[in-house]
Amino acid sequence: IAIMPISEKAQRAWKAGTAVITAWTAFYGLFYIDYGPHEHCFSDVQRWYRRKIDGMLGIDDKALKKRIARDDGERRNPTTDGIGEEQ
């Protein structure tokens, strides 16, 4: 069986594609994969990355926690809709 060699242009494209896929996999593994509830070697880097992303998006961690606590309180103490029935 004869194997046909691929051209130099195709080899460059293959190498570039492989480099992009490898870089994306490393980025995703470092910053996004959830390795469970315990501390791991990427915990500090992931926390740092999430703080930076939240800062770019204008998400305030303290305000978010306050909003979640308020929403939880509203679910525990439902208000009436004016007719006497709970929402």
C-alpha atoms as a PDB file:
ATOM      1  CA  ILE A   1       0.000   0.000   0.000  1.00  0.00           C
ATOM      2  CA  ALA A   2       1.432   3.314  -1.049  1.00  0.00           C
ATOM      3  CA  ILE A   3       0.812   6.314   1.180  1.00  0.00           C
ATOM      4  CA  MET A   4       0.481   9.560  -0.659  1.00  0.00           C
ATOM      5  CA  PRO A   5       2.413  12.381   1.040  1.00  0.00           C
ATOM      6  CA  ILE A   6       0.516  15.588   1.656  1.00  0.00           C
ATOM      7  CA  SER A   7       1.729  18.905   0.320  1.00  0.00           C
ATOM      8  CA  GLU A   8       3.693  21.435   2.349  1.00  0.00           C
ATOM      9  CA  LYS A   9       0.682  23.747   2.416  1.00  0.00           C
ATOM     10  CA  ALA A  10      -1.522  20.988   3.798  1.00  0.00           C
ATOM     11  CA  GLN A  11       1.136  20.098   6.393  1.00  0.00           C
ATOM     12  CA  ARG A  12       1.287  23.728   7.571  1.00  0.00           C
ATOM     13  CA  ALA A  13      -2.501  23.862   7.809  1.00  0.00           C
ATOM     14  CA  TRP A  14      -2.535  20.588   9.768  1.00  0.00           C
ATOM     15  CA  LYS A  15       0.139  21.871  12.176  1.00  0.00           C
ATOM     16  CA  ALA A  16      -1.653  25.186  12.654  1.00  0.00           C
ATOM     17  CA  GLY A  17      -4.959  23.415  13.311  1.00  0.00           C
ATOM     18  CA  THR A  18      -3.301  21.067  15.772  1.00  0.00           C
ATOM     19  CA  ALA A  19      -1.688  24.001  17.601  1.00  0.00           C
ATOM     20  CA  VAL A  20      -5.033  25.838  17.870  1.00  0.00           C
ATOM     21  CA  ILE A  21      -6.860  22.760  19.159  1.00  0.00           C
ATOM     22  CA  THR A  22      -4.080  22.023  21.660  1.00  0.00           C
ATOM     23  CA  ALA A  23      -4.066  25.621  22.939  1.00  0.00           C
ATOM     24  CA  TRP A  24      -7.869  25.660  23.274  1.00  0.00           C
ATOM     25  CA  THR A  25      -7.845  22.355  25.176  1.00  0.00           C
ATOM     26  CA  ALA A  26      -5.184  23.642  27.591  1.00  0.00           C
ATOM     27  CA  PHE A  27      -7.086  26.931  28.112  1.00  0.00           C
ATOM     28  CA  TYR A  28     -10.365  25.126  28.754  1.00  0.00           C
ATOM     29  CA  GLY A  29      -8.739  22.598  31.070  1.00  0.00           C
ATOM     30  CA  LEU A  30      -7.009  25.286  33.069  1.00  0.00           C
ATOM     31  CA  PHE A  31      -9.841  27.796  33.464  1.00  0.00           C
ATOM     32  CA  TYR A  32     -13.190  26.032  32.993  1.00  0.00           C
ATOM     33  CA  ILE A  33     -13.143  22.335  33.948  1.00  0.00           C
ATOM     34  CA  ASP A  34     -14.727  21.633  37.334  1.00  0.00           C
ATOM     35  CA  TYR A  35     -12.460  19.220  39.184  1.00  0.00           C
ATOM     36  CA  GLY A  36     -14.877  18.746  42.081  1.00  0.00           C
ATOM     37  CA  PRO A  37     -15.542  20.470  45.397  1.00  0.00           C
ATOM     38  CA  HIS A  38     -12.054  19.960  46.836  1.00  0.00           C
ATOM     39  CA  GLU A  39      -9.068  22.258  46.327  1.00  0.00           C
ATOM     40  CA  HIS A  40      -6.796  21.302  43.436  1.00  0.00           C
ATOM     41  CA  CYS A  41      -3.745  22.698  41.705  1.00  0.00           C
ATOM     42  CA  PHE A  42      -5.821  24.955  39.418  1.00  0.00           C
ATOM     43  CA  SER A  43      -8.134  26.390  42.119  1.00  0.00           C
ATOM     44  CA  ASP A  44      -6.217  29.645  42.609  1.00  0.00           C
ATOM     45  CA  VAL A  45      -5.823  30.241  38.869  1.00  0.00           C
ATOM     46  CA  GLN A  46      -9.516  29.544  38.247  1.00  0.00           C
ATOM     47  CA  ARG A  47     -10.582  31.943  41.035  1.00  0.00           C
ATOM     48  CA  TRP A  48      -8.280  34.635  39.647  1.00  0.00           C
ATOM     49  CA  TYR A  49      -9.628  34.127  36.109  1.00  0.00           C
ATOM     50  CA  ARG A  50     -13.258  34.259  37.255  1.00  0.00           C
ATOM     51  CA  ARG A  51     -12.621  37.491  39.210  1.00  0.00           C
ATOM     52  CA  LYS A  52     -11.058  39.049  36.104  1.00  0.00           C
ATOM     53  CA  ILE A  53     -13.965  37.987  33.876  1.00  0.00           C
ATOM     54  CA  ASP A  54     -16.497  39.225  36.446  1.00  0.00           C
ATOM     55  CA  GLY A  55     -14.650  42.541  36.612  1.00  0.00           C
ATOM     56  CA  MET A  56     -14.729  42.923  32.828  1.00  0.00           C
ATOM     57  CA  LEU A  57     -18.459  42.174  32.784  1.00  0.00           C
ATOM     58  CA  GLY A  58     -19.149  44.515  35.693  1.00  0.00           C
ATOM     59  CA  ILE A  59     -20.299  41.780  38.063  1.00  0.00           C
ATOM     60  CA  ASP A  60     -19.828  42.747  41.708  1.00  0.00           C
ATOM     61  CA  ASP A  61     -19.379  39.631  43.857  1.00  0.00           C
ATOM     62  CA  LYS A  62     -20.731  41.234  47.035  1.00  0.00           C
ATOM     63  CA  ALA A  63     -23.797  42.622  45.265  1.00  0.00           C
ATOM     64  CA  LEU A  64     -24.417  39.247  43.632  1.00  0.00           C
ATOM     65  CA  LYS A  65     -24.286  37.406  46.982  1.00  0.00           C
ATOM     66  CA  LYS A  66     -26.627  40.024  48.485  1.00  0.00           C
ATOM     67  CA  ARG A  67     -29.086  39.562  45.599  1.00  0.00           C
ATOM     68  CA  ILE A  68     -29.008  35.767  45.937  1.00  0.00           C
ATOM     69  CA  ALA A  69     -29.666  36.023  49.696  1.00  0.00           C
ATOM     70  CA  ARG A  70     -32.566  38.406  49.046  1.00  0.00           C
ATOM     71  CA  ASP A  71     -34.060  36.111  46.395  1.00  0.00           C
ATOM     72  CA  ASP A  72     -33.744  33.112  48.723  1.00  0.00           C
ATOM     73  CA  GLY A  73     -35.544  35.074  51.448  1.00  0.00           C
ATOM     74  CA  GLU A  74     -38.384  35.947  49.075  1.00  0.00           C
ATOM     75  CA  ARG A  75     -38.836  32.286  48.155  1.00  0.00           C
ATOM     76  CA  ARG A  76     -39.098  31.318  51.821  1.00  0.00           C
ATOM     77  CA  ASN A  77     -41.594  34.119  52.576  1.00  0.00           C
ATOM     78  CA  PRO A  78     -43.876  34.373  49.523  1.00  0.00           C
ATOM     79  CA  THR A  79     -46.075  37.435  49.213  1.00  0.00           C
ATOM     80  CA  THR A  80     -49.714  37.475  48.234  1.00  0.00           C
ATOM     81  CA  ASP A  81     -50.992  38.658  44.892  1.00  0.00           C
ATOM     82  CA  GLY A  82     -53.704  40.848  46.422  1.00  0.00           C
ATOM     83  CA  ILE A  83     -56.416  38.204  46.249  1.00  0.00           C
ATOM     84  CA  GLY A  84     -55.204  36.318  49.290  1.00  0.00           C
ATOM     85  CA  GLU A  85     -53.467  33.493  47.466  1.00  0.00           C
ATOM     86  CA  GLU A  86     -49.744  32.975  47.481  1.00  0.00           C
ATOM     87  CA  GLN A  87     -47.895  33.473  44.213  1.00  0.00           C
END
